[in-house]
Amino acid sequence: MLHMVNLPDGRLSGLPALQQLQISCYDNRRLEAPPTRIIDLLAASTRGVPIGLSLTGDRLFWTMGSLGALPAVEHLLRGEAAATADRAALKGWLTWLQTASTQQKVAFYGNQDQAETQLEQGQLAWIPCRSTSLPRLRRAMGSHLGVAALPDGDGSSASPINYIRVLALGRNSTPRARQAAIRFAALTLNPLVQRSLTLGSYTVLPVNRHVSIPASSSQTLAALVKARDQGLQIERIRPLLQHADPRVAQVQALLTELVFGEVSAEAATPRMIAILRSRL
């Protein structure tokens, strides 16, 4: 986090305020219980349960962790040679995505709003979603909206990309306005305020680590807390990627080719390795 908000002179450009999480949303009329393992996700689709997956990279990367490919990605981003285990892990991840794309009841979406609309209308039963989408989905689905953490793998955890909402000072503020903004920012980090923002919305988590969260009191809060913990592992690769790193777009383009059947998992594996190991 510090790496991402550091200015060249060592100062910080933003103050963390709230955490926004990547979770799963489902229709509890279609699914009595959400899939807790990624293998169960495709099993549900074979039973006729319609599943939606996003083609947008940051919304699909959670599958890297569930399928045990995250360590391989980290090694390659560090410029290390691809070990046999790394190649196998990447091929396993890509094979799962290829298999998912061939399932009749699995649909890939380039537009998250479209996926959420289809969940609201009952055309989908499960999708990955952002915690900030929950108010809209609650209004549309009421008590039929289920919320859960993303499914893990056997021996590995999902790797959602969670966001931190930050506060930043403008450049053109008057001294008085600047001081007011700093006081306001300090207030948002107050434990009582952070707790109130969490319990008042059930869409965000506090960044103040001294705030206790009653996760056992709510399925939604429990899902948010687990998503926060799942996302910690992917933080290891954030410092290895620069802002607007072109490799992210290249990976997304390759995954798009894969799920549309233009390239096989076997052929995509060496291309993925080459992209991740490439230097800017």
Protein backbone atom coordinates (compact mmCIF):
# COMPACT_ATOMS: atom_id res chain seq x y z
CA MET A 1 0.00 0.00 0.00
CA LEU A 2 2.82 2.40 0.86
CA HIS A 3 4.52 1.58 -2.44
CA MET A 4 1.38 2.56 -4.33
CA VAL A 5 0.89 5.94 -2.65
CA ASN A 6 4.54 7.03 -2.33
CA LEU A 7 5.54 10.30 -3.96
CA PRO A 8 9.09 10.74 -5.36
CA ASP A 9 10.08 12.87 -2.36
CA GLY A 10 8.96 10.21 0.13
CA ARG A 11 5.69 11.82 1.15
CA LEU A 12 2.41 9.91 0.84
CA SER A 13 -0.24 10.99 -1.65
CA GLY A 14 -3.27 9.38 -0.01
CA LEU A 15 -4.68 8.38 3.34
CA PRO A 16 -6.48 4.99 3.43
CA ALA A 17 -10.09 5.41 4.56
CA LEU A 18 -12.13 2.26 3.79
CA GLN A 19 -11.72 -1.21 2.29
CA GLN A 20 -13.87 -2.37 -0.63
CA LEU A 21 -13.92 -6.14 -1.11
CA GLN A 22 -14.41 -8.62 -3.93
CA ILE A 23 -16.92 -11.29 -2.91
CA SER A 24 -19.59 -13.45 -4.51
CA CYS A 25 -23.29 -12.70 -4.84
CA TYR A 26 -25.88 -15.37 -5.46
CA ASP A 27 -29.62 -15.98 -5.65
CA ASN A 28 -30.53 -18.12 -2.65
CA ARG A 29 -33.61 -19.37 -4.50
CA ARG A 30 -31.33 -21.08 -7.01
CA LEU A 31 -28.49 -22.01 -4.66
CA GLU A 32 -29.28 -23.14 -1.14
CA ALA A 33 -25.65 -22.64 -0.16
CA PRO A 34 -22.83 -20.87 -2.04
CA PRO A 35 -19.91 -22.90 -3.42
CA THR A 36 -17.04 -22.85 -0.93
CA ARG A 37 -14.59 -24.67 -3.24
CA ILE A 38 -13.87 -23.72 -6.82
CA ILE A 39 -14.46 -27.30 -7.92
CA ASP A 40 -18.02 -26.96 -6.63
CA LEU A 41 -18.62 -23.96 -8.89
CA LEU A 42 -18.39 -25.99 -12.09
CA ALA A 43 -20.19 -28.88 -10.41
CA ALA A 44 -23.12 -26.53 -9.80
CA SER A 45 -23.10 -25.49 -13.46
CA THR A 46 -23.31 -29.13 -14.58
CA ARG A 47 -26.46 -29.42 -12.46
CA GLY A 48 -28.01 -26.60 -14.48
CA VAL A 49 -27.18 -23.68 -12.18
CA PRO A 50 -26.24 -20.65 -14.34
CA ILE A 51 -22.88 -19.16 -13.32
CA GLY A 52 -21.47 -15.81 -14.42
CA LEU A 53 -17.75 -14.98 -14.53
CA SER A 54 -16.16 -11.67 -15.44
CA LEU A 55 -13.60 -11.38 -18.21
CA THR A 56 -12.18 -8.22 -16.71
CA GLY A 57 -8.76 -9.15 -15.37
CA ASP A 58 -8.99 -7.78 -11.87
CA ARG A 59 -12.33 -9.56 -11.41
CA LEU A 60 -11.03 -12.89 -12.72
CA PHE A 61 -7.66 -12.99 -10.97
CA TRP A 62 -9.24 -14.43 -7.82
CA THR A 63 -9.18 -17.79 -9.61
CA MET A 64 -5.36 -17.72 -9.65
CA GLY A 65 -5.27 -18.24 -5.91
CA SER A 66 -8.04 -20.82 -5.80
CA LEU A 67 -6.27 -22.88 -8.44
CA GLY A 68 -2.82 -22.60 -6.85
CA ALA A 69 -1.23 -20.46 -9.59
CA LEU A 70 -0.41 -17.36 -7.53
CA PRO A 71 3.11 -18.45 -6.40
CA ALA A 72 4.01 -19.17 -10.04
CA VAL A 73 2.81 -15.71 -11.09
CA GLU A 74 4.88 -14.12 -8.34
CA HIS A 75 8.03 -16.02 -9.38
CA LEU A 76 7.64 -14.97 -13.00
CA LEU A 77 6.95 -11.33 -12.18
CA ARG A 78 10.24 -11.37 -10.27
CA GLY A 79 11.92 -12.45 -13.49
CA GLU A 80 12.66 -15.98 -12.32
CA ALA A 81 12.78 -18.87 -14.77
CA ALA A 82 9.63 -20.97 -14.90
CA ALA A 83 10.13 -24.11 -12.84
CA THR A 84 8.28 -27.31 -13.74
CA ALA A 85 5.88 -26.73 -10.83
CA ASP A 86 5.21 -23.17 -12.02
CA ARG A 87 4.38 -24.35 -15.54
CA ALA A 88 2.07 -27.03 -14.18
CA ALA A 89 0.29 -24.54 -11.89
CA LEU A 90 -0.26 -22.03 -14.69
CA LYS A 91 -1.48 -24.71 -17.07
CA GLY A 92 -3.88 -25.98 -14.38
CA TRP A 93 -5.31 -22.48 -13.93
CA LEU A 94 -5.72 -21.92 -17.66
CA THR A 95 -7.20 -25.39 -18.14
CA TRP A 96 -9.86 -24.65 -15.53
CA LEU A 97 -10.79 -21.43 -17.31
CA GLN A 98 -10.90 -23.25 -20.64
CA THR A 99 -13.12 -25.95 -19.14
CA ALA A 100 -15.41 -23.32 -17.61
CA SER A 101 -15.79 -21.64 -21.00
CA THR A 102 -17.09 -24.87 -22.52
CA GLN A 103 -19.79 -25.36 -19.88
CA GLN A 104 -23.26 -24.60 -21.19
CA LYS A 105 -24.32 -22.91 -17.95
CA VAL A 106 -21.19 -20.76 -17.49
CA ALA A 107 -21.17 -17.34 -19.13
CA PHE A 108 -18.26 -14.87 -19.27
CA TYR A 109 -19.06 -11.15 -19.16
CA GLY A 110 -16.98 -8.18 -20.17
CA ASN A 111 -19.46 -5.85 -18.47
CA GLN A 112 -20.03 -6.28 -14.74
CA ASP A 113 -23.25 -4.26 -14.81
CA GLN A 114 -24.70 -6.74 -17.30
CA ALA A 115 -23.85 -9.66 -15.03
CA GLU A 116 -25.45 -7.95 -12.04
CA THR A 117 -28.57 -7.14 -14.03
CA GLN A 118 -28.89 -10.77 -15.08
CA LEU A 119 -28.48 -11.87 -11.44
CA GLU A 120 -31.25 -9.46 -10.45
CA GLN A 121 -33.51 -10.83 -13.19
CA GLY A 122 -32.91 -14.45 -12.24
CA GLN A 123 -30.95 -15.34 -15.36
CA LEU A 124 -27.81 -16.01 -13.31
CA ALA A 125 -27.54 -17.69 -9.93
CA TRP A 126 -23.96 -16.78 -8.92
CA ILE A 127 -21.45 -14.08 -9.87
CA PRO A 128 -18.33 -12.47 -8.39
CA CYS A 129 -19.19 -8.96 -7.29
CA ARG A 130 -17.83 -5.92 -5.49
CA SER A 131 -19.06 -5.11 -2.01
CA THR A 132 -20.00 -1.66 -3.31
CA SER A 133 -22.60 -3.33 -5.56
CA LEU A 134 -24.51 -4.73 -2.60
CA PRO A 135 -26.87 -1.76 -2.07
CA ARG A 136 -28.09 -1.96 -5.69
CA LEU A 137 -28.50 -5.74 -5.53
CA ARG A 138 -30.28 -5.58 -2.16
CA ARG A 139 -32.80 -3.10 -3.54
CA ALA A 140 -33.50 -5.37 -6.50
CA MET A 141 -33.38 -8.79 -4.82
CA GLY A 142 -34.23 -8.15 -1.18
CA SER A 143 -33.89 -11.24 1.00
CA HIS A 144 -33.12 -13.42 -2.03
CA LEU A 145 -29.59 -11.96 -2.27
CA GLY A 146 -26.95 -14.20 -0.77
CA VAL A 147 -23.43 -12.98 -0.04
CA ALA A 148 -20.34 -15.14 0.46
CA ALA A 149 -16.59 -15.11 0.06
CA LEU A 150 -15.20 -16.39 -3.22
CA PRO A 151 -14.60 -20.16 -3.32
CA ASP A 152 -11.17 -21.46 -2.32
CA GLY A 153 -9.26 -24.37 -3.83
CA ASP A 154 -7.93 -27.52 -2.27
CA GLY A 155 -5.01 -26.27 -0.22
CA SER A 156 -5.06 -22.74 -1.62
CA SER A 157 -7.15 -19.66 -1.05
CA ALA A 158 -8.96 -17.44 -3.52
CA SER A 159 -7.01 -14.28 -4.35
CA PRO A 160 -9.50 -11.43 -4.76
CA ILE A 161 -8.17 -7.99 -5.61
CA ASN A 162 -9.57 -5.72 -2.92
CA TYR A 163 -9.50 -1.96 -3.16
CA ILE A 164 -8.63 0.72 -0.63
CA ARG A 165 -10.56 3.96 -0.87
CA VAL A 166 -8.18 6.79 -0.04
CA LEU A 167 -8.52 10.46 0.78
CA ALA A 168 -6.21 12.89 -0.98
CA LEU A 169 -5.64 16.61 -0.55
CA GLY A 170 -6.28 18.94 -3.47
CA ARG A 171 -3.52 21.20 -4.75
CA ASN A 172 -5.49 24.43 -4.84
CA SER A 173 -7.02 24.53 -1.35
CA THR A 174 -6.68 27.53 0.88
CA PRO A 175 -4.72 26.97 4.11
CA ARG A 176 -7.98 27.00 6.07
CA ALA A 177 -9.65 24.48 3.74
CA ARG A 178 -6.55 22.29 3.87
CA GLN A 179 -6.60 22.16 7.65
CA ALA A 180 -10.32 21.39 7.64
CA ALA A 181 -9.71 18.53 5.21
CA ILE A 182 -6.94 17.13 7.41
CA ARG A 183 -9.21 17.27 10.47
CA PHE A 184 -11.98 15.54 8.52
CA ALA A 185 -9.55 12.84 7.35
CA ALA A 186 -8.41 12.24 10.92
CA LEU A 187 -12.04 11.92 12.00
CA THR A 188 -12.75 9.23 9.41
CA LEU A 189 -10.03 7.07 10.99
CA ASN A 190 -11.56 7.36 14.45
CA PRO A 191 -12.45 3.80 15.56
CA LEU A 192 -16.03 4.74 16.39
CA VAL A 193 -16.54 6.39 12.99
CA GLN A 194 -14.93 3.47 11.17
CA ARG A 195 -17.15 1.01 13.00
CA SER A 196 -20.25 3.10 12.26
CA LEU A 197 -19.40 3.27 8.55
CA THR A 198 -19.03 -0.52 8.47
CA LEU A 199 -22.18 -1.39 10.42
CA GLY A 200 -24.20 1.34 8.75
CA SER A 201 -23.60 0.06 5.24
CA TYR A 202 -22.46 -3.58 5.34
CA THR A 203 -20.48 -2.78 2.17
CA VAL A 204 -17.03 -1.72 3.44
CA LEU A 205 -14.58 -2.66 6.15
CA PRO A 206 -12.49 -0.31 8.29
CA VAL A 207 -8.83 0.30 7.57
CA ASN A 208 -8.17 1.07 11.24
CA ARG A 209 -6.90 -2.29 12.47
CA HIS A 210 -8.00 -1.52 16.03
CA VAL A 211 -11.68 -1.67 15.07
CA SER A 212 -13.36 -4.94 15.98
CA ILE A 213 -15.85 -6.35 13.47
CA PRO A 214 -18.72 -8.54 14.74
CA ALA A 215 -18.37 -11.01 11.85
CA SER A 216 -20.32 -13.74 13.65
CA SER A 217 -23.40 -11.54 13.74
CA SER A 218 -23.86 -11.30 9.97
CA GLN A 219 -23.26 -13.53 6.95
CA THR A 220 -22.37 -10.42 4.95
CA LEU A 221 -19.80 -9.20 7.47
CA ALA A 222 -18.33 -12.70 7.69
CA ALA A 223 -17.97 -12.75 3.89
CA LEU A 224 -16.30 -9.32 3.87
CA VAL A 225 -13.83 -10.32 6.58
CA LYS A 226 -12.92 -13.53 4.79
CA ALA A 227 -12.51 -11.63 1.50
CA ARG A 228 -10.17 -9.23 3.26
CA ASP A 229 -8.07 -12.12 4.54
CA GLN A 230 -8.10 -13.88 1.16
CA GLY A 231 -6.88 -10.72 -0.56
CA LEU A 232 -3.80 -10.35 1.61
CA GLN A 233 -1.88 -12.94 -0.38
CA ILE A 234 -2.13 -11.07 -3.66
CA GLU A 235 -0.57 -8.02 -2.02
CA ARG A 236 2.80 -9.74 -2.54
CA ILE A 237 2.63 -9.10 -6.27
CA ARG A 238 1.40 -5.50 -6.15
CA PRO A 239 4.92 -4.05 -5.68
CA LEU A 240 6.04 -6.05 -8.72
CA LEU A 241 3.61 -4.18 -11.01
CA GLN A 242 3.96 -0.55 -11.95
CA HIS A 243 0.98 1.76 -12.42
CA ALA A 244 -0.78 0.89 -15.71
CA ASP A 245 1.61 -2.04 -16.20
CA PRO A 246 1.01 -3.24 -19.81
CA ARG A 247 1.36 -6.87 -18.73
CA VAL A 248 -2.01 -6.71 -17.00
CA ALA A 249 -3.74 -5.82 -20.29
CA GLN A 250 -1.71 -8.47 -22.11
CA VAL A 251 -2.76 -11.15 -19.63
CA GLN A 252 -6.38 -10.09 -19.95
CA ALA A 253 -6.17 -10.25 -23.75
CA LEU A 254 -4.71 -13.76 -23.57
CA LEU A 255 -7.43 -14.91 -21.16
CA THR A 256 -10.05 -13.52 -23.54
CA GLU A 257 -8.56 -15.55 -26.38
CA LEU A 258 -8.59 -18.61 -24.14
CA VAL A 259 -12.22 -18.46 -23.05
CA PHE A 260 -13.38 -17.74 -26.63
CA GLY A 261 -11.59 -20.84 -27.84
CA GLU A 262 -9.00 -19.06 -29.98
CA VAL A 263 -6.11 -20.64 -28.07
CA SER A 264 -5.79 -23.79 -25.95
CA ALA A 265 -4.58 -23.89 -22.36
CA GLU A 266 -1.48 -25.75 -23.51
CA ALA A 267 -0.62 -23.11 -26.10
CA ALA A 268 -1.50 -20.25 -23.77
CA THR A 269 0.83 -21.43 -20.99
CA PRO A 270 4.18 -20.47 -22.62
CA ARG A 271 2.65 -17.20 -23.81
CA MET A 272 1.53 -16.43 -20.26
CA ILE A 273 5.02 -17.18 -18.97
CA ALA A 274 6.59 -14.89 -21.57
CA ILE A 275 4.22 -12.03 -20.70
CA LEU A 276 4.77 -12.28 -16.96
CA ARG A 277 8.57 -12.50 -17.28
CA SER A 278 8.83 -9.60 -19.74
CA ARG A 279 10.43 -6.41 -18.48
CA LEU A 280 9.02 -2.95 -19.10
